[in-house]
Protein backbone atom coordinates (compact mmCIF):
# COMPACT_ATOMS: atom_id res chain seq x y z
CA UNK A 1 -63.06 53.41 -8.20
CA UNK A 2 -60.34 56.23 -8.58
CA UNK A 3 -56.89 55.07 -7.50
CA UNK A 4 -54.60 57.68 -5.41
CA UNK A 5 -53.23 60.17 -6.32
CA UNK A 6 -52.89 63.07 -3.56
CA UNK A 7 -51.37 63.12 0.00
CA UNK A 8 -53.50 64.06 2.42
CA UNK A 9 -51.23 63.64 5.63
CA UNK A 10 -48.83 66.19 3.34
CA UNK A 11 -51.36 68.57 2.79
CA UNK A 12 -52.33 69.05 6.37
CA UNK A 13 -48.73 69.34 7.25
CA UNK A 14 -48.01 71.52 4.84
CA UNK A 15 -50.85 74.10 4.49
CA UNK A 16 -51.17 74.64 8.11
CA UNK A 17 -47.31 75.75 7.79
CA UNK A 18 -47.50 77.51 4.80
CA UNK A 19 -50.34 79.74 6.58
CA UNK A 20 -48.17 80.18 9.67
CA UNK A 21 -45.65 81.70 7.84
CA UNK A 22 -47.97 84.05 6.32
CA UNK A 23 -49.07 85.00 9.62
CA UNK A 24 -45.65 85.56 10.91
CA UNK A 25 -44.82 88.03 7.14
CA UNK A 26 -47.46 90.32 8.32
CA UNK A 27 -46.34 91.17 12.22
CA UNK A 28 -48.72 87.95 13.59
CA UNK A 29 -52.29 89.37 11.92
CA UNK A 30 -53.61 87.85 8.84
CA UNK A 31 -56.82 88.16 7.45
CA UNK A 32 -57.55 85.16 5.45
CA UNK A 33 -60.01 85.47 2.83
CA UNK A 34 -61.21 81.84 2.53
CA UNK A 35 -63.39 80.47 -0.82
CA UNK A 36 -64.95 77.60 -1.30
CA UNK A 37 -66.53 74.95 0.73
CA UNK A 38 -64.83 74.07 4.16
CA UNK A 39 -66.37 70.85 5.63
CA UNK A 40 -67.69 68.96 2.89
CA UNK A 41 -65.39 69.44 -1.05
CA UNK A 42 -66.78 67.10 -2.69
CA UNK A 43 -65.36 68.60 -5.68
CA UNK A 44 -61.97 68.17 -4.41
CA UNK A 45 -62.07 64.94 -2.81
CA UNK A 46 -63.97 63.62 -6.86
CA UNK A 47 -60.81 65.49 -8.71
CA UNK A 48 -57.84 64.38 -6.29
CA UNK A 49 -58.53 61.21 -5.24
CA UNK A 50 -57.21 60.85 -1.44
CA UNK A 51 -58.18 64.00 -0.54
CA UNK A 52 -60.62 64.06 2.45
CA UNK A 53 -63.99 66.20 1.73
CA UNK A 54 -63.26 68.03 5.50
CA UNK A 55 -59.45 68.05 5.12
CA UNK A 56 -59.38 72.35 5.17
CA UNK A 57 -61.67 72.13 8.28
CA UNK A 58 -59.00 69.80 9.60
CA UNK A 59 -56.13 71.74 8.61
CA UNK A 60 -58.01 74.86 10.25
CA UNK A 61 -57.92 72.90 13.51
CA UNK A 62 -54.15 72.41 13.12
CA UNK A 63 -54.35 76.28 13.57
CA UNK A 64 -57.33 76.47 16.14
CA UNK A 65 -55.73 78.43 18.98
CA UNK A 66 -54.64 81.21 16.85
CA UNK A 67 -57.57 81.17 14.35
CA UNK A 68 -61.10 83.02 15.01
CA UNK A 69 -63.61 83.15 12.54
CA UNK A 70 -65.76 85.83 10.70
CA UNK A 71 -68.28 85.13 8.57
CA UNK A 72 -69.31 87.75 5.57
CA UNK A 73 -72.88 87.64 4.83
CA UNK A 74 -74.45 90.09 1.96
CA UNK A 75 -78.09 92.10 3.04
CA UNK A 76 -79.24 91.63 -0.49
CA UNK A 77 -78.97 87.97 0.00
CA UNK A 78 -80.78 87.75 2.93
CA UNK A 79 -83.69 89.90 1.36
CA UNK A 80 -83.79 87.81 -1.51
CA UNK A 81 -83.68 84.29 0.62
CA UNK A 82 -80.90 83.41 -1.75
CA UNK A 83 -80.36 79.60 -1.71
CA UNK A 84 -77.51 77.40 -1.29
CA UNK A 85 -78.00 74.84 -4.38
CA UNK A 86 -76.35 71.79 -2.35
CA UNK A 87 -77.87 72.29 0.69
CA UNK A 88 -81.68 73.81 -0.26
CA UNK A 89 -81.37 76.21 2.69
CA UNK A 90 -81.25 80.10 2.60
CA UNK A 91 -77.80 82.22 2.94
CA UNK A 92 -78.75 83.09 6.30
CA UNK A 93 -79.89 79.70 7.74
CA UNK A 94 -76.62 78.38 6.61
CA UNK A 95 -74.73 80.84 8.82
CA UNK A 96 -76.49 79.36 11.42
CA UNK A 97 -75.41 76.01 10.61
CA UNK A 98 -71.79 77.50 9.80
CA UNK A 99 -71.68 78.76 13.01
CA UNK A 100 -72.98 75.00 14.72
CA UNK A 101 -70.97 73.50 12.18
CA UNK A 102 -67.03 75.45 13.11
CA UNK A 103 -68.00 75.28 17.10
CA UNK A 104 -68.25 71.93 16.98
CA UNK A 105 -64.83 71.45 15.84
CA UNK A 106 -64.11 73.40 18.59
CA UNK A 107 -63.10 76.44 16.45
CA UNK A 108 -64.03 80.44 17.46
CA UNK A 109 -66.45 82.02 15.17
CA UNK A 110 -65.96 85.68 16.43
CA UNK A 111 -68.26 87.73 14.71
CA UNK A 112 -71.10 87.90 11.73
CA UNK A 113 -70.70 90.65 9.23
CA UNK A 114 -73.26 92.23 6.66
CA UNK A 115 -72.15 93.42 3.75
CA UNK A 116 -73.42 95.59 1.63
CA UNK A 117 -75.88 96.70 4.15
CA UNK A 118 -78.33 99.70 3.16
CA UNK A 119 -81.19 99.82 5.84
CA UNK A 120 -82.94 96.43 4.76
CA UNK A 121 -85.36 94.95 6.95
CA UNK A 122 -84.50 91.17 6.22
CA UNK A 123 -81.10 92.40 7.08
CA UNK A 124 -82.13 94.35 10.42
CA UNK A 125 -84.29 91.02 11.89
CA UNK A 126 -81.43 88.60 10.70
CA UNK A 127 -78.74 91.05 12.94
CA UNK A 128 -81.73 91.19 15.51
CA UNK A 129 -82.07 87.51 15.66
CA UNK A 130 -78.57 86.50 15.56
CA UNK A 131 -77.58 89.03 18.76
CA UNK A 132 -80.56 87.22 21.00
CA UNK A 133 -78.44 84.25 20.44
CA UNK A 134 -75.16 85.53 21.62
CA UNK A 135 -73.57 86.25 18.03
CA UNK A 136 -72.05 89.64 17.90
CA UNK A 137 -72.76 91.60 14.46
CA UNK A 138 -71.28 94.34 12.16
CA UNK A 139 -72.79 96.16 9.48
CA UNK A 140 -70.49 97.46 5.75
CA UNK A 141 -72.06 99.32 4.00
CA UNK A 142 -71.84 99.92 0.12
CA UNK A 143 -69.69 101.94 -1.35
CA UNK A 144 -70.34 104.14 -4.73
CA UNK A 145 -68.23 103.14 -7.12
CA UNK A 146 -66.30 100.45 -5.70
CA UNK A 147 -63.98 98.66 -6.60
CA UNK A 148 -62.89 101.63 -9.06
CA UNK A 149 -62.71 104.45 -7.24
CA UNK A 150 -60.03 104.14 -5.01
CA UNK A 151 -59.76 107.71 -3.40
CA UNK A 152 -63.21 107.11 -1.92
CA UNK A 153 -63.23 104.02 -1.13
CA UNK A 154 -59.63 104.08 1.09
CA UNK A 155 -61.13 106.77 2.56
CA UNK A 156 -63.40 107.61 6.05
CA UNK A 157 -66.30 107.66 3.49
CA UNK A 158 -65.06 104.68 2.01
CA UNK A 159 -64.28 101.68 4.78
CA UNK A 160 -64.00 104.71 7.34
CA UNK A 161 -67.67 103.76 7.55
CA UNK A 162 -67.90 100.35 8.11
CA UNK A 163 -67.88 99.23 11.28
CA UNK A 164 -64.15 97.79 12.28
CA UNK A 165 -64.63 94.08 13.79
CA UNK A 166 -63.05 93.38 16.91
CA UNK A 167 -60.84 90.48 16.50
CA UNK A 168 -58.78 88.86 19.10
CA UNK A 169 -56.63 86.24 17.24
CA UNK A 170 -53.68 86.17 14.91
CA UNK A 171 -55.43 84.67 11.85
CA UNK A 172 -58.62 85.72 11.00
CA UNK A 173 -60.79 83.25 8.65
CA UNK A 174 -63.63 85.37 6.86
CA UNK A 175 -65.77 82.85 5.10
CA UNK A 176 -69.46 82.71 3.73
CA UNK A 177 -72.37 80.93 2.64
CA UNK A 178 -71.19 81.27 -0.96
CA UNK A 179 -70.09 83.70 -3.53
CA UNK A 180 -69.93 87.70 -4.02
CA UNK A 181 -70.44 87.56 -0.05
CA UNK A 182 -68.26 90.22 0.35
CA UNK A 183 -65.02 88.49 1.70
CA UNK A 184 -62.40 90.45 -0.06
CA UNK A 185 -64.02 93.66 0.97
CA UNK A 186 -64.39 92.74 4.42
CA UNK A 187 -61.04 91.84 4.88
CA UNK A 188 -59.78 95.05 3.44
CA UNK A 189 -61.66 97.19 5.32
CA UNK A 190 -59.88 95.74 8.69
CA UNK A 191 -56.66 96.70 6.83
CA UNK A 192 -57.90 100.39 6.82
CA UNK A 193 -59.00 100.14 10.31
CA UNK A 194 -55.79 98.26 11.46
CA UNK A 195 -53.29 100.73 9.83
CA UNK A 196 -55.44 104.06 11.40
CA UNK A 197 -54.84 101.74 14.70
CA UNK A 198 -51.21 101.15 14.20
CA UNK A 199 -51.74 97.34 13.30
CA UNK A 200 -49.37 96.05 10.36
CA UNK A 201 -51.82 93.19 9.49
CA UNK A 202 -51.96 91.41 6.23
CA UNK A 203 -54.07 90.02 4.02
CA UNK A 204 -54.26 86.76 2.07
CA UNK A 205 -56.27 84.64 -0.23
CA UNK A 206 -57.09 80.92 0.20
CA UNK A 207 -58.87 79.06 -3.05
CA UNK A 208 -58.22 75.06 -3.96
CA UNK A 209 -58.71 76.27 -7.50
CA UNK A 210 -57.18 76.28 -10.19
CA UNK A 211 -54.08 74.83 -8.61
CA UNK A 212 -51.63 77.46 -9.67
CA UNK A 213 -48.51 75.11 -10.09
CA UNK A 214 -50.33 72.91 -12.97
CA UNK A 215 -50.38 73.87 -16.18
CA UNK A 216 -53.28 75.92 -17.52
CA UNK A 217 -54.94 73.24 -19.28
CA UNK A 218 -54.50 70.36 -16.69
CA UNK A 219 -57.43 68.28 -16.39
CA UNK A 220 -57.38 69.47 -12.78
CA UNK A 221 -57.88 73.23 -13.91
CA UNK A 222 -60.16 72.12 -17.03
CA UNK A 223 -62.38 70.54 -14.08
CA UNK A 224 -62.43 73.77 -12.40
CA UNK A 225 -63.57 75.63 -15.41
CA UNK A 226 -66.39 72.87 -15.92
CA UNK A 227 -67.32 73.43 -11.98
CA UNK A 228 -67.69 77.04 -12.13
CA UNK A 229 -68.69 77.28 -16.12
CA UNK A 230 -72.69 78.54 -14.94
CA UNK A 231 -70.15 81.06 -13.06
CA UNK A 232 -68.08 82.38 -16.30
CA UNK A 233 -65.21 81.00 -14.69
CA UNK A 234 -61.80 81.46 -16.71
CA UNK A 235 -58.58 79.95 -16.06
CA UNK A 236 -55.53 81.67 -17.26
CA UNK A 237 -51.82 82.52 -17.07
CA UNK A 238 -51.13 85.09 -14.38
CA UNK A 239 -49.37 87.64 -16.32
CA UNK A 240 -48.43 89.94 -13.23
CA UNK A 241 -46.45 86.72 -12.23
CA UNK A 242 -45.11 86.38 -15.20
CA UNK A 243 -43.37 89.44 -15.68
CA UNK A 244 -42.47 89.94 -12.10
CA UNK A 245 -40.75 86.45 -11.86
CA UNK A 246 -40.40 84.85 -15.14
CA UNK A 247 -43.08 82.02 -13.77
CA UNK A 248 -45.79 80.81 -15.23
CA UNK A 249 -48.12 79.98 -13.08
CA UNK A 250 -52.26 79.69 -13.42
CA UNK A 251 -55.03 81.94 -11.79
CA UNK A 252 -58.57 82.53 -12.69
CA UNK A 253 -59.75 85.80 -14.70
CA UNK A 254 -61.52 87.35 -11.59
CA UNK A 255 -58.70 87.59 -9.12
CA UNK A 256 -55.84 88.45 -12.31
CA UNK A 257 -58.88 91.42 -13.35
CA UNK A 258 -59.14 92.91 -9.74
CA UNK A 259 -55.08 92.51 -9.27
CA UNK A 260 -54.30 96.22 -10.44
CA UNK A 261 -57.41 97.53 -7.91
CA UNK A 262 -56.39 95.60 -5.23
CA UNK A 263 -52.44 96.66 -5.56
CA UNK A 264 -53.62 100.38 -5.58
CA UNK A 265 -55.77 100.00 -2.59
CA UNK A 266 -52.56 97.80 -0.44
CA UNK A 267 -50.12 101.05 -1.50
CA UNK A 268 -53.29 103.11 -0.24
CA UNK A 269 -53.61 101.82 3.31
CA UNK A 270 -50.28 100.80 3.41
CA UNK A 271 -47.74 103.10 1.74
CA UNK A 272 -46.88 99.85 -0.49
CA UNK A 273 -48.52 96.36 -2.27
CA UNK A 274 -46.89 93.31 -0.40
CA UNK A 275 -47.65 91.81 -4.00
CA UNK A 276 -46.92 91.37 -7.03
CA UNK A 277 -48.91 89.08 -8.50
CA UNK A 278 -52.53 87.74 -7.68
CA UNK A 279 -50.42 84.16 -7.32
CA UNK A 280 -48.87 85.44 -4.56
CA UNK A 281 -51.67 86.68 -2.44
CA UNK A 282 -52.51 82.59 -2.74
CA UNK A 283 -51.11 80.56 0.03
CA UNK A 284 -52.92 76.95 -1.56
CA UNK A 285 -50.39 74.03 -1.17
CA UNK A 286 -52.88 71.11 -2.91
CA UNK A 287 -50.28 71.03 -6.07
CA UNK A 288 -47.28 70.53 -4.13
CA UNK A 289 -49.72 67.01 -2.45
CA UNK A 290 -50.16 65.21 -5.90
CA UNK A 291 -47.48 61.87 -5.85
CA UNK A 292 -49.66 60.14 -9.03
CA UNK A 293 -50.33 62.79 -11.45
CA UNK A 294 -51.93 60.60 -13.85
CA UNK A 295 -54.44 59.30 -10.75
CA UNK A 296 -56.00 62.75 -10.72
CA UNK A 297 -55.91 63.22 -14.71
CA UNK A 298 -58.17 60.52 -14.64
CA UNK A 299 -60.37 61.22 -11.86
CA UNK A 300 -60.77 65.12 -13.46
CA UNK A 301 -61.24 63.72 -17.07
CA UNK A 302 -64.40 61.77 -14.94
CA UNK A 303 -65.81 65.01 -13.25
CA UNK A 304 -65.48 67.00 -16.77
CA UNK A 305 -68.15 64.68 -18.01
CA UNK A 306 -70.16 64.45 -14.99
CA UNK A 307 -70.52 68.22 -15.05
CA UNK A 308 -71.30 67.99 -18.45
CA UNK A 309 -74.17 65.29 -17.55
CA UNK A 310 -75.21 67.21 -14.92
CA UNK A 311 -75.73 70.69 -17.44
CA UNK A 312 -77.35 68.61 -19.54
CA UNK A 313 -80.35 67.64 -16.60
CA UNK A 314 -80.51 71.20 -15.26
CA UNK A 315 -80.94 72.76 -19.28
CA UNK A 316 -83.71 70.33 -19.19
CA UNK A 317 -85.44 71.13 -16.48
CA UNK A 318 -85.31 74.78 -17.00
CA UNK A 319 -82.31 75.82 -14.94
CA UNK A 320 -79.16 77.01 -17.11
CA UNK A 321 -79.05 77.62 -20.37
CA UNK A 322 -77.24 76.65 -23.65
CA UNK A 323 -74.18 78.11 -23.03
CA UNK A 324 -73.09 76.46 -20.21
CA UNK A 325 -73.73 73.42 -22.08
CA UNK A 326 -71.49 74.65 -24.79
CA UNK A 327 -68.68 75.61 -22.68
CA UNK A 328 -68.63 71.82 -20.83
CA UNK A 329 -68.51 70.82 -24.38
CA UNK A 330 -65.21 72.63 -25.40
CA UNK A 331 -63.82 71.74 -21.78
CA UNK A 332 -64.17 67.86 -22.75
CA UNK A 333 -62.60 68.60 -26.02
CA UNK A 334 -59.97 70.36 -24.21
CA UNK A 335 -59.41 67.63 -22.09
CA UNK A 336 -59.79 64.86 -25.10
CA UNK A 337 -62.71 63.20 -23.40
CA UNK A 338 -65.72 61.58 -24.08
CA UNK A 339 -68.71 60.03 -22.65
CA UNK A 340 -67.34 57.01 -23.09
CA UNK A 341 -64.73 57.04 -20.35
CA UNK A 342 -67.93 56.20 -17.83
CA UNK A 343 -69.41 52.62 -19.03
CA UNK A 344 -72.01 52.90 -16.37
CA UNK A 345 -73.49 54.88 -19.01
CA UNK A 346 -73.96 52.61 -21.98
CA UNK A 347 -74.82 49.94 -19.60
CA UNK A 348 -77.99 51.92 -17.85
CA UNK A 349 -79.01 52.51 -21.72
CA UNK A 350 -78.59 49.01 -22.76
CA UNK A 351 -81.05 47.92 -20.24
CA UNK A 352 -83.52 51.15 -20.43
CA UNK A 353 -83.65 50.11 -24.34
CA UNK A 354 -83.95 46.46 -24.07
CA UNK A 355 -87.03 46.61 -21.07
CA UNK A 356 -88.42 49.75 -22.99
CA UNK A 357 -88.38 51.36 -19.29
CA UNK A 358 -86.16 53.37 -17.01
CA UNK A 359 -82.65 51.66 -16.13
CA UNK A 360 -79.59 52.23 -14.02
CA UNK A 361 -75.89 50.77 -13.38
CA UNK A 362 -73.74 51.36 -11.30
CA UNK A 363 -69.72 50.50 -11.79
CA UNK A 364 -68.18 48.43 -8.41
CA UNK A 365 -64.90 49.17 -6.53
CA UNK A 366 -63.10 45.97 -8.88
CA UNK A 367 -64.86 47.63 -12.38
CA UNK A 368 -67.67 45.11 -12.38
CA UNK A 369 -70.95 46.91 -14.14
CA UNK A 370 -74.11 46.17 -12.07
CA UNK A 371 -77.44 47.34 -13.65
CA UNK A 372 -80.95 47.53 -12.61
CA UNK A 373 -84.43 47.54 -14.42
CA UNK A 374 -88.18 49.26 -13.47
CA UNK A 375 -90.39 46.58 -11.52
CA UNK A 376 -93.76 46.84 -10.20
CA UNK A 377 -92.35 47.18 -6.57
CA UNK A 378 -88.99 49.41 -7.11
CA UNK A 379 -87.87 52.04 -9.07
CA UNK A 380 -84.71 51.68 -10.86
CA UNK A 381 -82.48 53.35 -9.00
CA UNK A 382 -83.51 51.16 -5.93
CA UNK A 383 -83.21 48.06 -7.76
CA UNK A 384 -79.77 48.91 -9.04
CA UNK A 385 -79.16 50.48 -5.75
CA UNK A 386 -80.41 46.37 -4.23
CA UNK A 387 -78.52 44.45 -6.97
CA UNK A 388 -75.60 46.02 -6.42
CA UNK A 389 -75.23 45.15 -2.43
CA UNK A 390 -76.03 41.77 -3.45
CA UNK A 391 -73.53 41.59 -5.77
CA UNK A 392 -71.08 43.17 -3.26
CA UNK A 393 -72.11 40.13 -0.60
CA UNK A 394 -71.53 37.71 -3.28
CA UNK A 395 -75.77 36.70 -2.70
CA UNK A 396 -77.20 35.41 -5.69
CA UNK A 397 -79.34 37.74 -7.86
CA UNK A 398 -82.52 35.90 -7.32
CA UNK A 399 -82.67 35.71 -3.49
CA UNK A 400 -85.04 38.22 -2.34
CA UNK A 401 -83.85 40.09 0.65
CA UNK A 402 -86.77 42.14 1.31
CA UNK A 403 -89.92 40.29 1.06
CA UNK A 404 -92.26 41.33 -1.68
CA UNK A 405 -95.27 40.73 1.20
CA UNK A 406 -93.27 42.99 3.03
CA UNK A 407 -92.87 45.71 0.18
CA UNK A 408 -97.12 45.32 -0.07
CA UNK A 409 -98.14 47.16 2.62
CA UNK A 410 -95.53 49.97 2.12
CA UNK A 411 -96.90 51.04 -1.08
CA UNK A 412 -100.43 50.96 0.42
CA UNK A 413 -98.89 53.78 2.60
CA UNK A 414 -97.50 55.46 0.08
CA UNK A 415 -100.30 55.89 -1.96
CA UNK A 416 -103.42 55.33 0.23
CA UNK A 417 -102.45 57.71 3.23
CA UNK A 418 -98.81 59.73 2.14
CA UNK A 419 -100.92 60.95 -1.36
CA UNK A 420 -98.06 59.25 -3.95
CA UNK A 421 -98.76 58.74 -7.54
CA UNK A 422 -95.79 56.23 -7.63
CA UNK A 423 -95.94 53.25 -5.17
CA UNK A 424 -92.58 51.87 -6.34
CA UNK A 425 -90.22 52.25 -3.82
CA UNK A 426 -87.16 54.47 -3.92
CA UNK A 427 -83.59 54.25 -2.94
CA UNK A 428 -84.30 55.81 1.03
CA UNK A 429 -87.30 53.58 1.31
CA UNK A 430 -85.42 50.26 0.06
CA UNK A 431 -82.73 50.54 2.36
CA UNK A 432 -85.35 51.03 5.23
CA UNK A 433 -86.93 47.96 4.36
CA UNK A 434 -83.71 45.94 3.97
CA UNK A 435 -82.63 47.42 7.21
CA UNK A 436 -85.55 46.01 8.78
CA UNK A 437 -85.07 42.69 6.92
CA UNK A 438 -81.44 42.46 8.21
CA UNK A 439 -82.63 41.86 11.99
CA UNK A 440 -83.71 38.63 11.15
CA UNK A 441 -82.24 37.99 7.73
CA UNK A 442 -78.36 37.33 7.69
CA UNK A 443 -78.24 37.86 4.30
CA UNK A 444 -80.09 41.05 4.02
CA UNK A 445 -77.84 41.91 7.20
CA UNK A 446 -74.56 40.88 5.35
CA UNK A 447 -75.75 43.24 1.95
CA UNK A 448 -76.35 46.06 4.44
CA UNK A 449 -73.03 45.43 5.91
CA UNK A 450 -71.61 46.60 1.76
CA UNK A 451 -72.87 49.96 2.16
CA UNK A 452 -69.86 52.14 2.59
CA UNK A 453 -68.50 49.93 0.02
CA UNK A 454 -70.27 51.90 -2.54
CA UNK A 455 -68.33 54.96 -1.41
CA UNK A 456 -66.78 56.74 -5.01
CA UNK A 457 -68.64 53.90 -7.23
CA UNK A 458 -70.08 55.97 -10.13
CA UNK A 459 -73.33 55.53 -11.50
CA UNK A 460 -76.02 56.40 -14.37
CA UNK A 461 -79.48 56.76 -14.97
CA UNK A 462 -81.09 56.96 -18.24
CA UNK A 463 -83.82 59.33 -16.89
CA UNK A 464 -83.75 62.36 -14.52
CA UNK A 465 -83.86 60.36 -10.86
CA UNK A 466 -86.33 62.06 -8.26
CA UNK A 467 -84.62 64.29 -5.62
CA UNK A 468 -84.94 61.95 -3.24
CA UNK A 469 -82.93 58.90 -5.51
CA UNK A 470 -80.21 61.23 -6.12
CA UNK A 471 -79.96 62.82 -2.74
CA UNK A 472 -79.87 59.28 -1.34
CA UNK A 473 -76.94 58.22 -4.12
CA UNK A 474 -75.06 61.78 -3.03
CA UNK A 475 -75.14 60.32 0.99
CA UNK A 476 -73.99 57.12 -0.18
CA UNK A 477 -71.62 58.68 -1.99
CA UNK A 478 -72.14 57.53 -5.15
CA UNK A 479 -71.04 59.87 -8.45
CA UNK A 480 -73.80 59.97 -9.86
CA UNK A 481 -75.63 61.17 -13.75
CA UNK A 482 -78.79 60.70 -15.56
CA UNK A 483 -79.88 61.31 -19.25
CA UNK A 484 -81.41 64.80 -19.53
CA UNK A 485 -85.05 62.80 -19.86
CA UNK A 486 -87.58 62.47 -17.50
CA UNK A 487 -89.99 59.15 -16.95
CA UNK A 488 -92.50 60.25 -18.26
CA UNK A 489 -94.03 63.26 -20.71
CA UNK A 490 -96.04 65.19 -17.68
CA UNK A 491 -95.53 68.72 -17.62
CA UNK A 492 -94.72 68.92 -14.12
CA UNK A 493 -92.07 66.56 -12.61
CA UNK A 494 -91.23 65.75 -8.44
């Protein structure tokens, strides 16, 4: 288990204070482009142990009285039914989820803006659906030559054609279901319209990674490159900041490449650019809240290895190519790390080799490794999970917490009535069966009470797990990796 290295309370305090300062800098009207995941930033919580996954939304709640949310979604993403890989839902459905989630936190969602709108029928249908639900919707249009044709962009035929988004609060947080939704363009379009109305608004960017005040080759920044290996993002020294201030800071290639264009757009809109570098635009204070650099370095190295194994599995399933794997191998070299830092890998492979069947391993909070093997009743991931709960509850390994006689009817339902070819219980089914046993068996109840202690534990499987098993491990907060091998030689896998 990772030892803490990040002060979350300090982060909430300093981050909200820094954003308030930036709001006042621009005359009490700031458009804040908010990248990354707001509600569930598990990458940050893994590489910065102590960072809570919902920290960013908690920070925004500190500003709730002065903040409103604008959600951007690209019309072509609606038309293509683009899916969020982590949630398995389309971007348009995720907009509805985000609105509900923001409202549940007491945050005001002012509107949705459909970007790159060119008459797409799916976008029209989505707009109508939102308006029927009482959500205001605005349309922004494609601009020929964007982002380099500045004369056209900053004109009545460019930003001027976009519908002006009515906002009522000093801080306007522009977010989106995913990258490429047009958040920056929405912010700059609003600046154009605000200045035409005599309002001297400002723009800033919130991105957690890379962390600007950590070294370029710091493991946390390398872990960010690992997380975005399939996107081609590259961390680099901000040359504009170095020239302006003589200070070395870190940014990533897309922000550095676009900065001259952005600066020119600012000058065209406001008469001058308020920033001298991409780093200046940011408001991220994460790097100021690390109190144990060694702890976050260790956590980040683990994340790089996990990302590598994830890419190997994705390649095996045809979801990515060699280039992503090669980049991650290079990042592992740069971070001076190998798979040896994950003892669960060797442990699971040893059991798999001994039994000739899939096996799993979980590293418990005290560093002990628990393994599990495939049986007639359970898959390896289920057996490993149950063994880990037994060990945490100090229950003898040979003790049956779920009666084999109780499992048999479950298997019969799966095979005879639900059409499953695999009678073995998946991880979620084992947990449900354990919960039923807990009603009458104190030992089963004691094992069930240990579930929360699995959060943050490392786990490995000798084969690619089924989606239901990997999702269950994820919901329990375990950090799972898998060997890039299927359990069988079939061509179709579920």
